[in-house]
Structures are given as structure tokens and as C-alpha cells.
């Protein structure tokens, strides 16, 4: 299940209401478009293509990110990965 969610959140909001158990939020970030927010199931943390994006995020941002995880890619690239039906 893939949901693209755009919206404003309160600064003191630890986990937004739209992030259900077993999911996490991630932003696609690049200089050519506004960041896009995705709600992703936890099983994607074992997917090689998603792990490649996480490695890119580590290389670009290090481990100092706070709040929502940001990955350096276009929204369409992240959406294509998340729409893959593996297995």
C-alpha cells in the first residue's frame, strides 16, 4: 500500500495520525521539485532498491537527520520503487 500525503503538521507532533502502526513517513527531496511525503510499510526496509535509497541518504546527509526521513531522489523514482510488486 502506497499513500502520497501532503500536508502541514504541528511541530510538537511526534508521529502524525496518518502514520499507522507498521508504517513510517519518508520525504523524497531534490532541487528540482518540492519535497513529497510518502507513508511506507516497514517491510520496505528489507527491499534492496529501497535500501539503496537509504544508502544515498546516508551518503548525502549522514545520520544527523531529525524528524521525517529524507531520501535524495525524485518523487516519481520513489513512487516507482514503492509500486513494485516483488515476489
PDB file of N, CA and C in Angstrom:
ATOM      1  N   UNK A   1       0.846  -1.182   0.000  1.00  0.00           N
ATOM      2  CA  UNK A   1       0.000   0.000   0.000  1.00  0.00           C
ATOM      3  C   UNK A   1       0.884   1.235   0.000  1.00  0.00           C
ATOM      4  N   UNK A   2       0.621   2.152  -0.897  1.00  0.00           N
ATOM      5  CA  UNK A   2       1.390   3.376  -1.020  1.00  0.00           C
ATOM      6  C   UNK A   2       0.441   4.545  -0.912  1.00  0.00           C
ATOM      7  N   UNK A   3       0.778   5.489  -0.055  1.00  0.00           N
ATOM      8  CA  UNK A   3      -0.027   6.691   0.047  1.00  0.00           C
ATOM      9  C   UNK A   3       0.902   7.883  -0.066  1.00  0.00           C
ATOM     10  N   UNK A   4       0.575   8.813  -0.930  1.00  0.00           N
ATOM     11  CA  UNK A   4       1.286  10.074  -1.019  1.00  0.00           C
ATOM     12  C   UNK A   4       0.476  11.068  -0.218  1.00  0.00           C
ATOM     13  N   UNK A   5       1.072  11.623   0.812  1.00  0.00           N
ATOM     14  CA  UNK A   5       0.366  12.517   1.718  1.00  0.00           C
ATOM     15  C   UNK A   5       1.080  13.857   1.728  1.00  0.00           C
ATOM     16  N   UNK A   6       0.354  14.894   1.470  1.00  0.00           N
ATOM     17  CA  UNK A   6       0.907  16.235   1.581  1.00  0.00           C
ATOM     18  C   UNK A   6       0.119  16.944   2.672  1.00  0.00           C
ATOM     19  N   UNK A   7       0.799  17.732   3.463  1.00  0.00           N
ATOM     20  CA  UNK A   7       0.072  18.462   4.484  1.00  0.00           C
ATOM     21  C   UNK A   7       1.009  19.069   5.501  1.00  0.00           C
ATOM     22  N   UNK A   8       0.447  19.863   6.367  1.00  0.00           N
ATOM     23  CA  UNK A   8       1.190  20.521   7.430  1.00  0.00           C
ATOM     24  C   UNK A   8       0.994  19.750   8.727  1.00  0.00           C
ATOM     25  N   UNK A   9       2.030  19.723   9.534  1.00  0.00           N
ATOM     26  CA  UNK A   9       1.952  19.027  10.810  1.00  0.00           C
ATOM     27  C   UNK A   9       2.456  19.946  11.896  1.00  0.00           C
ATOM     28  N   UNK A  10       1.933  19.764  13.086  1.00  0.00           N
ATOM     29  CA  UNK A  10       2.361  20.559  14.221  1.00  0.00           C
ATOM     30  C   UNK A  10       3.791  20.195  14.586  1.00  0.00           C
ATOM     31  N   UNK A  11       4.565  21.192  15.030  1.00  0.00           N
ATOM     32  CA  UNK A  11       5.960  20.950  15.386  1.00  0.00           C
ATOM     33  C   UNK A  11       6.104  19.930  16.507  1.00  0.00           C
ATOM     34  N   UNK A  12       5.192  19.937  17.456  1.00  0.00           N
ATOM     35  CA  UNK A  12       5.303  19.036  18.604  1.00  0.00           C
ATOM     36  C   UNK A  12       4.693  17.672  18.332  1.00  0.00           C
ATOM     37  N   UNK A  13       4.210  17.444  17.127  1.00  0.00           N
ATOM     38  CA  UNK A  13       3.592  16.173  16.775  1.00  0.00           C
ATOM     39  C   UNK A  13       4.693  15.144  16.504  1.00  0.00           C
ATOM     40  N   UNK A  14       4.793  14.128  17.352  1.00  0.00           N
ATOM     41  CA  UNK A  14       5.849  13.134  17.234  1.00  0.00           C
ATOM     42  C   UNK A  14       5.582  12.209  16.060  1.00  0.00           C
ATOM     43  N   UNK A  15       4.428  11.595  16.021  1.00  0.00           N
ATOM     44  CA  UNK A  15       4.035  10.727  14.917  1.00  0.00           C
ATOM     45  C   UNK A  15       2.666  11.204  14.432  1.00  0.00           C
ATOM     46  N   UNK A  16       2.591  11.702  13.204  1.00  0.00           N
ATOM     47  CA  UNK A  16       1.299  12.174  12.693  1.00  0.00           C
ATOM     48  C   UNK A  16       0.260  11.054  12.676  1.00  0.00           C
ATOM     49  N   UNK A  17      -0.992  11.434  12.768  1.00  0.00           N
ATOM     50  CA  UNK A  17      -2.094  10.462  12.824  1.00  0.00           C
ATOM     51  C   UNK A  17      -2.177   9.575  11.597  1.00  0.00           C
ATOM     52  N   UNK A  18      -1.668  10.022  10.454  1.00  0.00           N
ATOM     53  CA  UNK A  18      -1.780   9.215   9.237  1.00  0.00           C
ATOM     54  C   UNK A  18      -0.703   8.137   9.141  1.00  0.00           C
ATOM     55  N   UNK A  19       0.241   8.118  10.081  1.00  0.00           N
ATOM     56  CA  UNK A  19       1.279   7.079  10.096  1.00  0.00           C
ATOM     57  C   UNK A  19       0.825   5.991  11.062  1.00  0.00           C
ATOM     58  N   UNK A  20       0.266   4.951  10.492  1.00  0.00           N
ATOM     59  CA  UNK A  20      -0.291   3.858  11.291  1.00  0.00           C
ATOM     60  C   UNK A  20       0.806   2.890  11.733  1.00  0.00           C
ATOM     61  N   UNK A  21       0.480   2.033  12.675  1.00  0.00           N
ATOM     62  CA  UNK A  21       1.407   1.018  13.148  1.00  0.00           C
ATOM     63  C   UNK A  21       1.907   0.183  11.965  1.00  0.00           C
ATOM     64  N   UNK A  22       3.206  -0.060  11.946  1.00  0.00           N
ATOM     65  CA  UNK A  22       3.790  -0.836  10.859  1.00  0.00           C
ATOM     66  C   UNK A  22       4.168  -0.002   9.649  1.00  0.00           C
ATOM     67  N   UNK A  23       4.142   1.314   9.785  1.00  0.00           N
ATOM     68  CA  UNK A  23       4.454   2.230   8.693  1.00  0.00           C
ATOM     69  C   UNK A  23       5.402   3.323   9.184  1.00  0.00           C
ATOM     70  N   UNK A  24       6.019   4.043   8.257  1.00  0.00           N
ATOM     71  CA  UNK A  24       6.820   5.207   8.586  1.00  0.00           C
ATOM     72  C   UNK A  24       6.696   6.212   7.451  1.00  0.00           C
ATOM     73  N   UNK A  25       7.060   7.461   7.739  1.00  0.00           N
ATOM     74  CA  UNK A  25       6.987   8.526   6.742  1.00  0.00           C
ATOM     75  C   UNK A  25       8.375   8.758   6.155  1.00  0.00           C
ATOM     76  N   UNK A  26       8.399   9.106   4.875  1.00  0.00           N
ATOM     77  CA  UNK A  26       9.642   9.421   4.185  1.00  0.00           C
ATOM     78  C   UNK A  26       9.357  10.517   3.165  1.00  0.00           C
ATOM     79  N   UNK A  27      10.294  11.453   3.012  1.00  0.00           N
ATOM     80  CA  UNK A  27      10.200  12.512   2.020  1.00  0.00           C
ATOM     81  C   UNK A  27      11.176  12.243   0.896  1.00  0.00           C
ATOM     82  N   UNK A  28      10.726  12.432  -0.342  1.00  0.00           N
ATOM     83  CA  UNK A  28      11.662  12.490  -1.468  1.00  0.00           C
ATOM     84  C   UNK A  28      12.079  13.950  -1.587  1.00  0.00           C
ATOM     85  N   UNK A  29      13.383  14.191  -1.680  1.00  0.00           N
ATOM     86  CA  UNK A  29      13.905  15.555  -1.679  1.00  0.00           C
ATOM     87  C   UNK A  29      14.905  15.705  -2.811  1.00  0.00           C
ATOM     88  N   UNK A  30      14.720  16.746  -3.619  1.00  0.00           N
ATOM     89  CA  UNK A  30      15.688  17.098  -4.654  1.00  0.00           C
ATOM     90  C   UNK A  30      15.512  18.564  -4.991  1.00  0.00           C
ATOM     91  N   UNK A  31      16.456  19.118  -5.720  1.00  0.00           N
ATOM     92  CA  UNK A  31      16.447  20.556  -6.007  1.00  0.00           C
ATOM     93  C   UNK A  31      15.461  20.953  -7.102  1.00  0.00           C
ATOM     94  N   UNK A  32      14.875  19.996  -7.791  1.00  0.00           N
ATOM     95  CA  UNK A  32      14.007  20.295  -8.929  1.00  0.00           C
ATOM     96  C   UNK A  32      12.519  20.314  -8.604  1.00  0.00           C
ATOM     97  N   UNK A  33      12.133  19.847  -7.413  1.00  0.00           N
ATOM     98  CA  UNK A  33      10.714  19.805  -7.063  1.00  0.00           C
ATOM     99  C   UNK A  33      10.558  19.930  -5.558  1.00  0.00           C
ATOM    100  N   UNK A  34       9.358  20.286  -5.142  1.00  0.00           N
ATOM    101  CA  UNK A  34       9.073  20.346  -3.710  1.00  0.00           C
ATOM    102  C   UNK A  34       9.134  18.945  -3.125  1.00  0.00           C
ATOM    103  N   UNK A  35       9.533  18.830  -1.858  1.00  0.00           N
ATOM    104  CA  UNK A  35       9.544  17.506  -1.221  1.00  0.00           C
ATOM    105  C   UNK A  35       8.153  16.880  -1.258  1.00  0.00           C
ATOM    106  N   UNK A  36       8.118  15.579  -1.441  1.00  0.00           N
ATOM    107  CA  UNK A  36       6.866  14.819  -1.433  1.00  0.00           C
ATOM    108  C   UNK A  36       6.934  13.809  -0.297  1.00  0.00           C
ATOM    109  N   UNK A  37       5.845  13.684   0.439  1.00  0.00           N
ATOM    110  CA  UNK A  37       5.791  12.810   1.612  1.00  0.00           C
ATOM    111  C   UNK A  37       5.069  11.514   1.262  1.00  0.00           C
ATOM    112  N   UNK A  38       5.665  10.411   1.673  1.00  0.00           N
ATOM    113  CA  UNK A  38       5.095   9.088   1.457  1.00  0.00           C
ATOM    114  C   UNK A  38       4.950   8.379   2.801  1.00  0.00           C
ATOM    115  N   UNK A  39       3.902   7.588   2.928  1.00  0.00           N
ATOM    116  CA  UNK A  39       3.741   6.698   4.084  1.00  0.00           C
ATOM    117  C   UNK A  39       4.057   5.297   3.572  1.00  0.00           C
ATOM    118  N   UNK A  40       5.043   4.643   4.199  1.00  0.00           N
ATOM    119  CA  UNK A  40       5.624   3.414   3.674  1.00  0.00           C
ATOM    120  C   UNK A  40       5.505   2.297   4.714  1.00  0.00           C
ATOM    121  N   UNK A  41       5.172   1.104   4.255  1.00  0.00           N
ATOM    122  CA  UNK A  41       5.131  -0.053   5.149  1.00  0.00           C
ATOM    123  C   UNK A  41       6.556  -0.451   5.553  1.00  0.00           C
ATOM    124  N   UNK A  42       6.706  -0.953   6.767  1.00  0.00           N
ATOM    125  CA  UNK A  42       8.023  -1.303   7.302  1.00  0.00           C
ATOM    126  C   UNK A  42       8.757  -2.358   6.480  1.00  0.00           C
ATOM    127  N   UNK A  43       8.044  -3.241   5.800  1.00  0.00           N
ATOM    128  CA  UNK A  43       8.720  -4.302   5.051  1.00  0.00           C
ATOM    129  C   UNK A  43       9.657  -3.741   3.977  1.00  0.00           C
ATOM    130  N   UNK A  44       9.467  -2.482   3.562  1.00  0.00           N
ATOM    131  CA  UNK A  44      10.347  -1.882   2.552  1.00  0.00           C
ATOM    132  C   UNK A  44      11.765  -1.694   3.079  1.00  0.00           C
ATOM    133  N   UNK A  45      11.950  -1.757   4.381  1.00  0.00           N
ATOM    134  CA  UNK A  45      13.299  -1.633   4.952  1.00  0.00           C
ATOM    135  C   UNK A  45      14.162  -2.845   4.624  1.00  0.00           C
ATOM    136  N   UNK A  46      13.577  -3.896   4.061  1.00  0.00           N
ATOM    137  CA  UNK A  46      14.322  -5.082   3.623  1.00  0.00           C
ATOM    138  C   UNK A  46      14.482  -5.151   2.107  1.00  0.00           C
ATOM    139  N   UNK A  47      13.939  -4.197   1.383  1.00  0.00           N
ATOM    140  CA  UNK A  47      13.980  -4.214  -0.074  1.00  0.00           C
ATOM    141  C   UNK A  47      15.292  -3.611  -0.585  1.00  0.00           C
ATOM    142  N   UNK A  48      16.010  -4.306  -1.464  1.00  0.00           N
ATOM    143  CA  UNK A  48      17.305  -3.812  -1.957  1.00  0.00           C
ATOM    144  C   UNK A  48      17.235  -2.440  -2.637  1.00  0.00           C
ATOM    145  N   UNK A  49      16.167  -2.176  -3.392  1.00  0.00           N
ATOM    146  CA  UNK A  49      16.064  -0.868  -4.054  1.00  0.00           C
ATOM    147  C   UNK A  49      15.833   0.250  -3.044  1.00  0.00           C
ATOM    148  N   UNK A  50      14.993  -0.011  -2.040  1.00  0.00           N
ATOM    149  CA  UNK A  50      14.759   0.992  -1.010  1.00  0.00           C
ATOM    150  C   UNK A  50      16.010   1.187  -0.161  1.00  0.00           C
ATOM    151  N   UNK A  51      16.710   0.091   0.129  1.00  0.00           N
ATOM    152  CA  UNK A  51      17.958   0.197   0.896  1.00  0.00           C
ATOM    153  C   UNK A  51      19.006   1.014   0.148  1.00  0.00           C
ATOM    154  N   UNK A  52      18.995   0.947  -1.169  1.00  0.00           N
ATOM    155  CA  UNK A  52      19.904   1.762  -1.973  1.00  0.00           C
ATOM    156  C   UNK A  52      19.604   3.252  -1.771  1.00  0.00           C
ATOM    157  N   UNK A  53      18.313   3.601  -1.714  1.00  0.00           N
ATOM    158  CA  UNK A  53      17.940   4.990  -1.432  1.00  0.00           C
ATOM    159  C   UNK A  53      18.390   5.414  -0.039  1.00  0.00           C
ATOM    160  N   UNK A  54      18.257   4.506   0.928  1.00  0.00           N
ATOM    161  CA  UNK A  54      18.709   4.827   2.290  1.00  0.00           C
ATOM    162  C   UNK A  54      20.220   5.045   2.329  1.00  0.00           C
ATOM    163  N   UNK A  55      20.963   4.272   1.552  1.00  0.00           N
ATOM    164  CA  UNK A  55      22.417   4.450   1.475  1.00  0.00           C
ATOM    165  C   UNK A  55      22.752   5.813   0.864  1.00  0.00           C
ATOM    166  N   UNK A  56      21.995   6.210  -0.165  1.00  0.00           N
ATOM    167  CA  UNK A  56      22.197   7.531  -0.761  1.00  0.00           C
ATOM    168  C   UNK A  56      21.919   8.628   0.266  1.00  0.00           C
ATOM    169  N   UNK A  57      20.875   8.439   1.073  1.00  0.00           N
ATOM    170  CA  UNK A  57      20.555   9.407   2.117  1.00  0.00           C
ATOM    171  C   UNK A  57      21.680   9.487   3.144  1.00  0.00           C
ATOM    172  N   UNK A  58      22.216   8.332   3.526  1.00  0.00           N
ATOM    173  CA  UNK A  58      23.338   8.306   4.466  1.00  0.00           C
ATOM    174  C   UNK A  58      24.535   9.049   3.883  1.00  0.00           C
ATOM    175  N   UNK A  59      24.852   8.777   2.609  1.00  0.00           N
ATOM    176  CA  UNK A  59      25.998   9.422   1.972  1.00  0.00           C
ATOM    177  C   UNK A  59      25.825  10.936   1.886  1.00  0.00           C
ATOM    178  N   UNK A  60      24.603  11.373   1.618  1.00  0.00           N
ATOM    179  CA  UNK A  60      24.359  12.802   1.440  1.00  0.00           C
ATOM    180  C   UNK A  60      24.150  13.554   2.752  1.00  0.00           C
ATOM    181  N   UNK A  61      23.396  12.953   3.681  1.00  0.00           N
ATOM    182  CA  UNK A  61      23.002  13.648   4.905  1.00  0.00           C
ATOM    183  C   UNK A  61      23.680  13.119   6.168  1.00  0.00           C
ATOM    184  N   UNK A  62      24.295  11.957   6.102  1.00  0.00           N
ATOM    185  CA  UNK A  62      24.838  11.340   7.308  1.00  0.00           C
ATOM    186  C   UNK A  62      23.706  10.816   8.175  1.00  0.00           C
ATOM    187  N   UNK A  63      23.982  10.672   9.446  1.00  0.00           N
ATOM    188  CA  UNK A  63      22.974  10.152  10.370  1.00  0.00           C
ATOM    189  C   UNK A  63      22.394  11.261  11.244  1.00  0.00           C
ATOM    190  N   UNK A  64      22.489  12.495  10.795  1.00  0.00           N
ATOM    191  CA  UNK A  64      22.056  13.629  11.607  1.00  0.00           C
ATOM    192  C   UNK A  64      20.626  14.072  11.321  1.00  0.00           C
ATOM    193  N   UNK A  65      19.886  13.348  10.499  1.00  0.00           N
ATOM    194  CA  UNK A  65      18.523  13.748  10.191  1.00  0.00           C
ATOM    195  C   UNK A  65      17.649  13.668  11.435  1.00  0.00           C
ATOM    196  N   UNK A  66      16.761  14.634  11.559  1.00  0.00           N
ATOM    197  CA  UNK A  66      15.784  14.633  12.648  1.00  0.00           C
ATOM    198  C   UNK A  66      14.398  14.685  12.020  1.00  0.00           C
ATOM    199  N   UNK A  67      13.448  14.019  12.639  1.00  0.00           N
ATOM    200  CA  UNK A  67      12.093  14.034  12.103  1.00  0.00           C
ATOM    201  C   UNK A  67      11.932  13.018  10.993  1.00  0.00           C
ATOM    202  N   UNK A  68      11.203  13.414   9.975  1.00  0.00           N
ATOM    203  CA  UNK A  68      10.892  12.512   8.867  1.00  0.00           C
ATOM    204  C   UNK A  68      12.149  12.201   8.071  1.00  0.00           C
ATOM    205  N   UNK A  69      12.308  10.951   7.708  1.00  0.00           N
ATOM    206  CA  UNK A  69      13.431  10.500   6.900  1.00  0.00           C
ATOM    207  C   UNK A  69      13.355  11.146   5.521  1.00  0.00           C
ATOM    208  N   UNK A  70      14.475  11.696   5.035  1.00  0.00           N
ATOM    209  CA  UNK A  70      14.552  12.281   3.701  1.00  0.00           C
ATOM    210  C   UNK A  70      15.477  11.438   2.847  1.00  0.00           C
ATOM    211  N   UNK A  71      15.030  11.142   1.623  1.00  0.00           N
ATOM    212  CA  UNK A  71      15.881  10.436   0.667  1.00  0.00           C
ATOM    213  C   UNK A  71      16.088  11.329  -0.554  1.00  0.00           C
ATOM    214  N   UNK A  72      17.326  11.407  -1.052  1.00  0.00           N
ATOM    215  CA  UNK A  72      17.632  12.291  -2.179  1.00  0.00           C
ATOM    216  C   UNK A  72      17.246  11.658  -3.513  1.00  0.00           C
ATOM    217  N   UNK A  73      16.003  11.884  -3.926  1.00  0.00           N
ATOM    218  CA  UNK A  73      15.521  11.344  -5.200  1.00  0.00           C
ATOM    219  C   UNK A  73      14.279  12.111  -5.626  1.00  0.00           C
ATOM    220  N   UNK A  74      13.875  11.900  -6.859  1.00  0.00           N
ATOM    221  CA  UNK A  74      12.622  12.474  -7.344  1.00  0.00           C
ATOM    222  C   UNK A  74      11.452  11.656  -6.799  1.00  0.00           C
ATOM    223  N   UNK A  75      10.333  12.318  -6.609  1.00  0.00           N
ATOM    224  CA  UNK A  75       9.143  11.632  -6.096  1.00  0.00           C
ATOM    225  C   UNK A  75       8.754  10.465  -7.002  1.00  0.00           C
ATOM    226  N   UNK A  76       8.862  10.662  -8.304  1.00  0.00           N
ATOM    227  CA  UNK A  76       8.485   9.586  -9.244  1.00  0.00           C
ATOM    228  C   UNK A  76       9.375   8.360  -9.064  1.00  0.00           C
ATOM    229  N   UNK A  77      10.662   8.572  -8.778  1.00  0.00           N
ATOM    230  CA  UNK A  77      11.578   7.449  -8.565  1.00  0.00           C
ATOM    231  C   UNK A  77      11.170   6.653  -7.325  1.00  0.00           C
ATOM    232  N   UNK A  78      10.904   7.347  -6.238  1.00  0.00           N
ATOM    233  CA  UNK A  78      10.487   6.670  -5.013  1.00  0.00           C
ATOM    234  C   UNK A  78       9.139   5.979  -5.218  1.00  0.00           C
ATOM    235  N   UNK A  79       8.216   6.651  -5.872  1.00  0.00           N
ATOM    236  CA  UNK A  79       6.910   6.046  -6.118  1.00  0.00           C
ATOM    237  C   UNK A  79       7.042   4.790  -6.974  1.00  0.00           C
ATOM    238  N   UNK A  80       7.892   4.818  -7.998  1.00  0.00           N
ATOM    239  CA  UNK A  80       8.102   3.634  -8.844  1.00  0.00           C
ATOM    240  C   UNK A  80       8.633   2.457  -8.034  1.00  0.00           C
ATOM    241  N   UNK A  81       9.568   2.727  -7.147  1.00  0.00           N
ATOM    242  CA  UNK A  81      10.119   1.653  -6.302  1.00  0.00           C
ATOM    243  C   UNK A  81       9.023   1.080  -5.412  1.00  0.00           C
ATOM    244  N   UNK A  82       8.243   1.956  -4.791  1.00  0.00           N
ATOM    245  CA  UNK A  82       7.229   1.503  -3.845  1.00  0.00           C
ATOM    246  C   UNK A  82       6.052   0.810  -4.520  1.00  0.00           C
ATOM    247  N   UNK A  83       5.884   1.019  -5.806  1.00  0.00           N
ATOM    248  CA  UNK A  83       4.786   0.366  -6.515  1.00  0.00           C
ATOM    249  C   UNK A  83       5.187  -0.996  -7.087  1.00  0.00           C
ATOM    250  N   UNK A  84       6.459  -1.371  -6.961  1.00  0.00           N
ATOM    251  CA  UNK A  84       6.905  -2.671  -7.451  1.00  0.00           C
ATOM    252  C   UNK A  84       6.227  -3.785  -6.668  1.00  0.00           C
ATOM    253  N   UNK A  85       5.843  -4.794  -7.348  1.00  0.00           N
ATOM    254  CA  UNK A  85       5.271  -5.980  -6.704  1.00  0.00           C
ATOM    255  C   UNK A  85       6.337  -7.077  -6.764  1.00  0.00           C
ATOM    256  N   UNK A  86       7.034  -7.250  -5.682  1.00  0.00           N
ATOM    257  CA  UNK A  86       8.119  -8.243  -5.651  1.00  0.00           C
ATOM    258  C   UNK A  86       7.595  -9.553  -5.081  1.00  0.00           C
ATOM    259  N   UNK A  87       8.009 -10.646  -5.695  1.00  0.00           N
ATOM    260  CA  UNK A  87       7.635 -11.973  -5.199  1.00  0.00           C
ATOM    261  C   UNK A  87       6.351 -12.343  -5.751  1.00  0.00           C
TER     262      UNK A  87
END
